[in-house]
């Protein structure tokens, strides 16, 4: 598969379509909400962080999907194989959350008396701050995490849909170093040299879609390793979203597919999952620990999510025949089906 590398410039033309589809390693295309023509109800803007420490993963979402907004925090206890999520949904926000047009600088702020979540970004460091009343079993949650990059490279992709004026501009920043804490009730959990990923996305989406996504960010001895693997929506004929990160180096990958174990004729989200490319350059086996399964079905929106946290074992081979091995590396793999 020959993949198109994006050139610097505007993201959208004057009719509201992508100038070009393809990939990059930084946000070289400029997204501006005002450049979108029509379709205001279909604009989706989202910032999502997932942070991993020894026994926990903690996830944060601030999203403005125009016809609704979703702000969410999840704590996944990997040792006890359970999770807790607290969310706030508002209808008909249409950009009122004022999410920044770039991931490079700008803050995301959501503040209520009983639920606040803020992503601060001064262009150098990122900070996640949260305060939630009665997060779990009448215990309040308090969070303060600072994130530092290990590389200037990231996964960036501009993907069109078959419908005109529909597109997705997405960046994944892997291998972020996390330091800070989260406190639930009287229990303080320190975060020292944890690892995280940012999923930043802006676009105009179709009403129905399904995506598959796997993400990993780890420190293996003195080596930072990570990958972004995914497929399932839009026209990816010009580029895939698949990339491998090793310290400051980045390697572009072609196709990938997830092969779920079947149980009684249905996908078993707690069974082993193969993650493979057609060329066998990617050969991973994912062993689930916790399935963060949540279904939402309200009025004209629905979301069926399986975000599965577990361990990756296997290898990824680069075009220059380097073989990067993963052993019991903790990350996540998900299947999400939306009607929104």
Protein backbone atom coordinates (compact mmCIF):
# COMPACT_ATOMS: atom_id res chain seq x y z
CA UNK A 1 0.00 0.00 0.00
CA UNK A 2 1.48 3.34 -1.09
CA UNK A 3 0.63 5.92 1.57
CA UNK A 4 0.30 9.64 0.94
CA UNK A 5 2.25 11.96 3.24
CA UNK A 6 0.39 15.20 3.91
CA UNK A 7 1.74 18.56 2.85
CA UNK A 8 1.59 21.64 5.03
CA UNK A 9 -1.37 24.01 4.65
CA UNK A 10 -5.13 24.29 5.09
CA UNK A 11 -7.03 21.19 6.06
CA UNK A 12 -10.22 22.03 4.12
CA UNK A 13 -10.84 23.59 0.74
CA UNK A 14 -13.41 26.32 0.17
CA UNK A 15 -16.19 23.76 -0.36
CA UNK A 16 -15.53 22.14 3.01
CA UNK A 17 -13.77 19.01 1.71
CA UNK A 18 -10.30 17.78 2.63
CA UNK A 19 -7.58 19.26 0.44
CA UNK A 20 -5.89 15.89 0.60
CA UNK A 21 -6.10 12.61 2.49
CA UNK A 22 -3.03 11.09 4.06
CA UNK A 23 -0.81 10.92 7.12
CA UNK A 24 1.84 12.97 8.88
CA UNK A 25 3.85 12.89 12.11
CA UNK A 26 2.67 16.31 13.33
CA UNK A 27 -0.35 18.62 12.89
CA UNK A 28 0.88 20.24 9.69
CA UNK A 29 -2.68 20.82 8.44
CA UNK A 30 -4.59 23.64 10.09
CA UNK A 31 -8.06 22.83 11.40
CA UNK A 32 -10.53 25.65 11.87
CA UNK A 33 -14.12 25.01 12.88
CA UNK A 34 -15.29 28.05 10.88
CA UNK A 35 -13.97 26.45 7.66
CA UNK A 36 -16.64 23.73 7.91
CA UNK A 37 -19.48 24.45 5.49
CA UNK A 38 -22.94 23.41 6.68
CA UNK A 39 -23.35 20.18 8.65
CA UNK A 40 -22.92 21.92 11.99
CA UNK A 41 -24.82 19.14 13.76
CA UNK A 42 -22.28 16.56 12.53
CA UNK A 43 -19.13 18.25 13.90
CA UNK A 44 -17.32 16.08 16.43
CA UNK A 45 -14.45 17.42 18.55
CA UNK A 46 -12.74 15.34 21.22
CA UNK A 47 -9.72 15.24 23.54
CA UNK A 48 -9.12 11.90 25.27
CA UNK A 49 -6.27 10.78 27.55
CA UNK A 50 -5.49 7.30 28.86
CA UNK A 51 -2.87 6.98 31.61
CA UNK A 52 -1.30 3.71 32.79
CA UNK A 53 0.40 2.98 36.08
CA UNK A 54 1.18 -0.36 37.72
CA UNK A 55 -2.29 -1.55 38.77
CA UNK A 56 -4.51 1.08 37.19
CA UNK A 57 -5.55 2.79 34.02
CA UNK A 58 -7.36 6.12 34.23
CA UNK A 59 -9.14 7.68 31.26
CA UNK A 60 -10.43 11.21 30.66
CA UNK A 61 -12.70 12.51 27.88
CA UNK A 62 -13.89 15.99 26.96
CA UNK A 63 -15.91 15.89 23.76
CA UNK A 64 -18.30 18.25 22.00
CA UNK A 65 -20.29 16.33 19.40
CA UNK A 66 -22.58 19.31 18.62
CA UNK A 67 -25.90 17.59 19.30
CA UNK A 68 -24.48 16.52 22.64
CA UNK A 69 -21.33 16.77 24.76
CA UNK A 70 -19.79 14.00 26.83
CA UNK A 71 -17.31 14.56 29.66
CA UNK A 72 -16.13 11.40 31.35
CA UNK A 73 -13.63 9.91 33.79
CA UNK A 74 -12.96 6.18 34.21
CA UNK A 75 -10.73 4.37 36.68
CA UNK A 76 -9.86 0.81 35.71
CA UNK A 77 -8.52 -1.39 38.50
CA UNK A 78 -6.43 -3.97 36.64
CA UNK A 79 -5.58 -5.98 39.76
CA UNK A 80 -9.22 -6.37 40.88
CA UNK A 81 -10.56 -6.51 37.29
CA UNK A 82 -13.20 -3.82 37.70
CA UNK A 83 -13.87 -0.24 36.62
CA UNK A 84 -15.87 2.81 37.54
CA UNK A 85 -16.98 5.58 35.16
CA UNK A 86 -18.63 8.89 35.89
CA UNK A 87 -19.98 10.98 33.00
CA UNK A 88 -21.84 14.17 32.25
CA UNK A 89 -23.93 14.53 29.08
CA UNK A 90 -25.48 17.75 27.79
CA UNK A 91 -27.55 18.10 24.65
CA UNK A 92 -27.21 20.69 21.86
CA UNK A 93 -23.84 22.16 22.84
CA UNK A 94 -22.76 22.96 19.22
CA UNK A 95 -19.19 23.98 20.09
CA UNK A 96 -19.96 25.73 23.38
CA UNK A 97 -17.20 23.77 25.10
CA UNK A 98 -14.75 25.83 22.99
CA UNK A 99 -12.23 23.07 22.46
CA UNK A 100 -8.97 24.42 20.95
CA UNK A 101 -8.37 24.04 17.21
CA UNK A 102 -4.95 22.47 17.79
CA UNK A 103 -3.42 20.02 20.25
CA UNK A 104 -0.25 22.12 20.36
CA UNK A 105 -1.59 24.73 22.78
CA UNK A 106 -4.86 25.62 24.45
CA UNK A 107 -7.00 24.47 27.36
CA UNK A 108 -10.13 22.33 27.60
CA UNK A 109 -12.25 23.34 30.59
CA UNK A 110 -15.43 21.75 31.94
CA UNK A 111 -16.58 22.97 35.33
CA UNK A 112 -19.65 22.20 37.42
CA UNK A 113 -20.07 22.29 41.20
CA UNK A 114 -19.87 18.53 41.52
CA UNK A 115 -17.78 17.65 38.44
CA UNK A 116 -14.84 19.47 36.93
CA UNK A 117 -12.27 18.29 34.40
CA UNK A 118 -9.56 20.47 32.86
CA UNK A 119 -6.84 19.77 30.30
CA UNK A 120 -4.20 22.51 30.51
CA UNK A 121 -1.65 22.95 27.73
CA UNK A 122 0.71 25.93 27.66
CA UNK A 123 2.65 24.63 24.67
CA UNK A 124 5.30 22.96 26.82
CA UNK A 125 3.59 20.71 29.35
CA UNK A 126 0.13 19.20 29.66
CA UNK A 127 -1.74 18.90 32.92
CA UNK A 128 -4.93 17.02 33.76
CA UNK A 129 -6.89 18.26 36.78
CA UNK A 130 -10.19 16.79 37.99
CA UNK A 131 -12.51 17.03 40.95
CA UNK A 132 -15.62 14.84 41.18
CA UNK A 133 -18.03 14.56 44.11
CA UNK A 134 -19.27 11.05 44.97
CA UNK A 135 -17.24 9.41 42.24
CA UNK A 136 -17.56 5.95 43.79
CA UNK A 137 -19.24 4.72 46.99
CA UNK A 138 -19.67 8.30 48.26
CA UNK A 139 -15.95 8.92 47.82
CA UNK A 140 -14.73 12.09 46.10
CA UNK A 141 -12.11 11.97 43.36
CA UNK A 142 -9.25 14.43 43.02
CA UNK A 143 -6.70 14.23 40.18
CA UNK A 144 -3.59 16.17 39.18
CA UNK A 145 -1.33 14.66 36.50
CA UNK A 146 1.44 16.32 34.46
CA UNK A 147 2.33 14.82 31.08
CA UNK A 148 5.67 15.22 29.30
CA UNK A 149 6.52 14.07 25.76
CA UNK A 150 9.33 11.66 24.89
CA UNK A 151 9.27 12.46 21.16
CA UNK A 152 8.07 15.13 18.75
CA UNK A 153 6.56 12.44 16.49
CA UNK A 154 2.91 11.44 16.58
CA UNK A 155 0.32 9.70 14.43
CA UNK A 156 -1.67 12.18 12.34
CA UNK A 157 -4.20 11.21 9.69
CA UNK A 158 -6.70 13.11 7.53
CA UNK A 159 -9.44 10.67 6.52
CA UNK A 160 -12.38 11.44 4.23
CA UNK A 161 -15.72 9.68 4.35
CA UNK A 162 -17.62 8.72 1.20
CA UNK A 163 -20.03 11.59 1.85
CA UNK A 164 -18.75 14.97 0.70
CA UNK A 165 -17.75 17.46 3.42
CA UNK A 166 -17.33 14.60 5.92
CA UNK A 167 -13.84 13.97 7.30
CA UNK A 168 -11.81 13.14 10.39
CA UNK A 169 -8.55 14.82 11.38
CA UNK A 170 -6.92 12.80 14.12
CA UNK A 171 -3.72 12.83 16.16
CA UNK A 172 -2.48 10.22 18.61
CA UNK A 173 0.46 11.22 20.83
CA UNK A 174 1.94 8.08 22.38
CA UNK A 175 4.59 7.60 25.07
CA UNK A 176 3.67 10.56 27.26
CA UNK A 177 5.33 10.36 30.70
CA UNK A 178 2.81 10.85 33.51
CA UNK A 179 3.57 12.10 37.03
CA UNK A 180 1.16 13.20 39.73
CA UNK A 181 -1.60 11.49 41.67
CA UNK A 182 -5.23 10.56 41.92
CA UNK A 183 -7.00 10.47 45.26
CA UNK A 184 -10.23 8.55 45.85
CA UNK A 185 -11.62 9.26 49.28
CA UNK A 186 -8.72 8.93 51.70
CA UNK A 187 -6.64 6.71 49.38
CA UNK A 188 -3.90 8.55 47.54
CA UNK A 189 -2.36 6.79 44.53
CA UNK A 190 0.91 8.35 43.38
CA UNK A 191 1.76 8.32 39.69
CA UNK A 192 5.50 8.23 39.00
CA UNK A 193 6.74 7.67 35.47
CA UNK A 194 3.42 6.30 34.28
CA UNK A 195 2.73 6.24 30.55
CA UNK A 196 -0.07 7.81 28.57
CA UNK A 197 -1.59 8.61 25.20
CA UNK A 198 -3.57 11.56 23.85
CA UNK A 199 -6.30 10.97 21.26
CA UNK A 200 -7.11 14.36 19.68
CA UNK A 201 -9.76 14.48 16.97
CA UNK A 202 -11.74 17.06 14.99
CA UNK A 203 -14.08 16.41 12.10
CA UNK A 204 -17.47 15.97 10.50
CA UNK A 205 -18.70 12.42 11.00
CA UNK A 206 -21.37 10.32 9.36
CA UNK A 207 -24.30 9.26 11.54
CA UNK A 208 -23.40 5.56 11.80
CA UNK A 209 -19.85 4.24 12.15
CA UNK A 210 -17.72 1.57 13.80
CA UNK A 211 -14.05 1.77 14.69
CA UNK A 212 -11.37 -0.57 15.99
CA UNK A 213 -8.42 0.88 17.90
CA UNK A 214 -5.45 -0.50 19.82
CA UNK A 215 -2.96 1.63 21.72
CA UNK A 216 0.17 0.97 23.72
CA UNK A 217 2.69 3.23 25.48
CA UNK A 218 5.32 1.62 27.70
CA UNK A 219 8.86 1.97 28.99
CA UNK A 220 10.74 -1.30 28.49
CA UNK A 221 14.00 -0.99 30.45
CA UNK A 222 15.44 2.21 28.91
CA UNK A 223 13.37 2.08 25.72
CA UNK A 224 10.07 3.86 25.11
CA UNK A 225 7.83 1.74 22.89
CA UNK A 226 4.36 2.45 21.62
CA UNK A 227 1.98 1.89 18.77
CA UNK A 228 -1.27 3.09 17.30
CA UNK A 229 -3.23 0.48 15.36
CA UNK A 230 -6.73 0.86 13.98
CA UNK A 231 -9.25 0.68 11.16
CA UNK A 232 -12.95 0.53 10.43
CA UNK A 233 -14.28 3.92 9.30
CA UNK A 234 -13.78 6.36 6.47
CA UNK A 235 -11.78 5.97 3.27
CA UNK A 236 -8.26 4.89 4.29
CA UNK A 237 -7.03 4.16 0.75
CA UNK A 238 -4.50 7.04 1.00
CA UNK A 239 -3.12 6.14 4.42
CA UNK A 240 -3.62 3.94 7.45
CA UNK A 241 -3.46 5.17 11.03
CA UNK A 242 -0.95 2.49 11.97
CA UNK A 243 2.37 3.61 13.45
CA UNK A 244 5.08 2.23 15.69
CA UNK A 245 7.12 4.43 18.04
CA UNK A 246 10.52 3.49 19.48
CA UNK A 247 12.14 6.28 21.50
CA UNK A 248 12.32 9.22 19.06
CA UNK A 249 11.87 7.07 15.93
CA UNK A 250 8.61 6.46 14.12
CA UNK A 251 7.74 3.70 11.66
CA UNK A 252 4.74 3.76 9.31
CA UNK A 253 2.76 0.53 9.08
CA UNK A 254 0.20 -0.68 6.55
CA UNK A 255 -2.97 -2.64 7.28
CA UNK A 256 -4.07 -4.38 10.47
CA UNK A 257 -7.08 -6.40 11.59
CA UNK A 258 -8.35 -7.68 14.94
CA UNK A 259 -9.49 -11.30 15.16
CA UNK A 260 -11.80 -11.83 18.13
CA UNK A 261 -12.38 -15.20 19.75
CA UNK A 262 -15.94 -16.39 19.12
CA UNK A 263 -18.20 -17.78 21.85
CA UNK A 264 -21.66 -19.11 20.99
CA UNK A 265 -21.32 -17.43 17.59
CA UNK A 266 -20.57 -13.99 19.07
CA UNK A 267 -17.39 -12.04 19.70
CA UNK A 268 -15.93 -12.87 23.10
CA UNK A 269 -14.43 -9.64 24.40
CA UNK A 270 -12.61 -11.43 27.23
CA UNK A 271 -11.12 -14.10 24.99
CA UNK A 272 -7.71 -13.83 23.28
CA UNK A 273 -7.62 -11.41 20.31
CA UNK A 274 -5.17 -11.68 17.43
CA UNK A 275 -3.86 -8.41 15.99
CA UNK A 276 -2.26 -9.04 12.61
CA UNK A 277 -1.39 -7.47 9.27
CA UNK A 278 -1.82 -9.26 5.95
CA UNK A 279 1.97 -9.26 5.47
CA UNK A 280 2.51 -10.65 9.02
CA UNK A 281 4.71 -7.64 9.85
CA UNK A 282 2.34 -7.20 12.78
CA UNK A 283 1.80 -10.34 14.85
CA UNK A 284 0.41 -9.67 18.31
CA UNK A 285 -1.76 -11.60 20.72
CA UNK A 286 -3.86 -9.53 23.10
CA UNK A 287 -4.98 -11.12 26.37
CA UNK A 288 -7.86 -9.19 28.02
CA UNK A 289 -7.98 -8.30 31.71
CA UNK A 290 -10.97 -5.93 31.97
CA UNK A 291 -13.69 -5.07 29.44
CA UNK A 292 -14.87 -1.50 30.03
CA UNK A 293 -18.22 -2.16 28.38
CA UNK A 294 -20.73 0.67 28.26
CA UNK A 295 -23.89 1.06 26.19
CA UNK A 296 -25.70 4.36 25.71
CA UNK A 297 -29.06 4.59 23.95
CA UNK A 298 -30.79 7.93 24.37
CA UNK A 299 -33.13 9.54 21.86
CA UNK A 300 -31.20 9.87 18.58
CA UNK A 301 -27.76 8.83 19.90
CA UNK A 302 -26.39 5.41 20.72
CA UNK A 303 -22.95 4.08 21.55
CA UNK A 304 -21.88 0.49 22.17
CA UNK A 305 -18.35 0.39 23.51
CA UNK A 306 -15.94 -2.37 24.43
CA UNK A 307 -12.66 -0.82 25.58
CA UNK A 308 -10.64 -3.80 26.70
CA UNK A 309 -7.55 -3.45 28.88
CA UNK A 310 -5.02 -6.23 28.76
CA UNK A 311 -1.58 -7.44 27.69
CA UNK A 312 0.09 -7.53 24.28
CA UNK A 313 2.60 -10.20 23.36
CA UNK A 314 4.32 -10.55 20.00
CA UNK A 315 6.28 -8.49 17.52
CA UNK A 316 6.12 -5.76 14.90
CA UNK A 317 8.62 -5.80 12.04
CA UNK A 318 9.58 -2.52 10.34
CA UNK A 319 10.36 -1.99 6.65
CA UNK A 320 14.09 -1.95 7.44
CA UNK A 321 13.71 -5.39 9.11
CA UNK A 322 13.94 -4.25 12.71
CA UNK A 323 11.88 -6.49 14.96
CA UNK A 324 10.30 -4.84 17.99
CA UNK A 325 9.18 -7.34 20.61
CA UNK A 326 6.42 -6.84 23.19
CA UNK A 327 6.12 -9.05 26.27
CA UNK A 328 3.16 -8.69 28.65
CA UNK A 329 2.88 -5.04 27.64
CA UNK A 330 -0.25 -3.43 29.13
CA UNK A 331 -2.43 -1.36 26.81
CA UNK A 332 -5.94 -1.42 25.41
CA UNK A 333 -7.91 -2.55 22.39
CA UNK A 334 -11.43 -1.42 21.58
CA UNK A 335 -14.42 -1.83 19.33
CA UNK A 336 -16.88 1.07 19.32
CA UNK A 337 -20.11 1.28 17.36
CA UNK A 338 -21.84 4.68 17.28
CA UNK A 339 -25.06 6.20 16.03
CA UNK A 340 -24.63 9.90 16.70
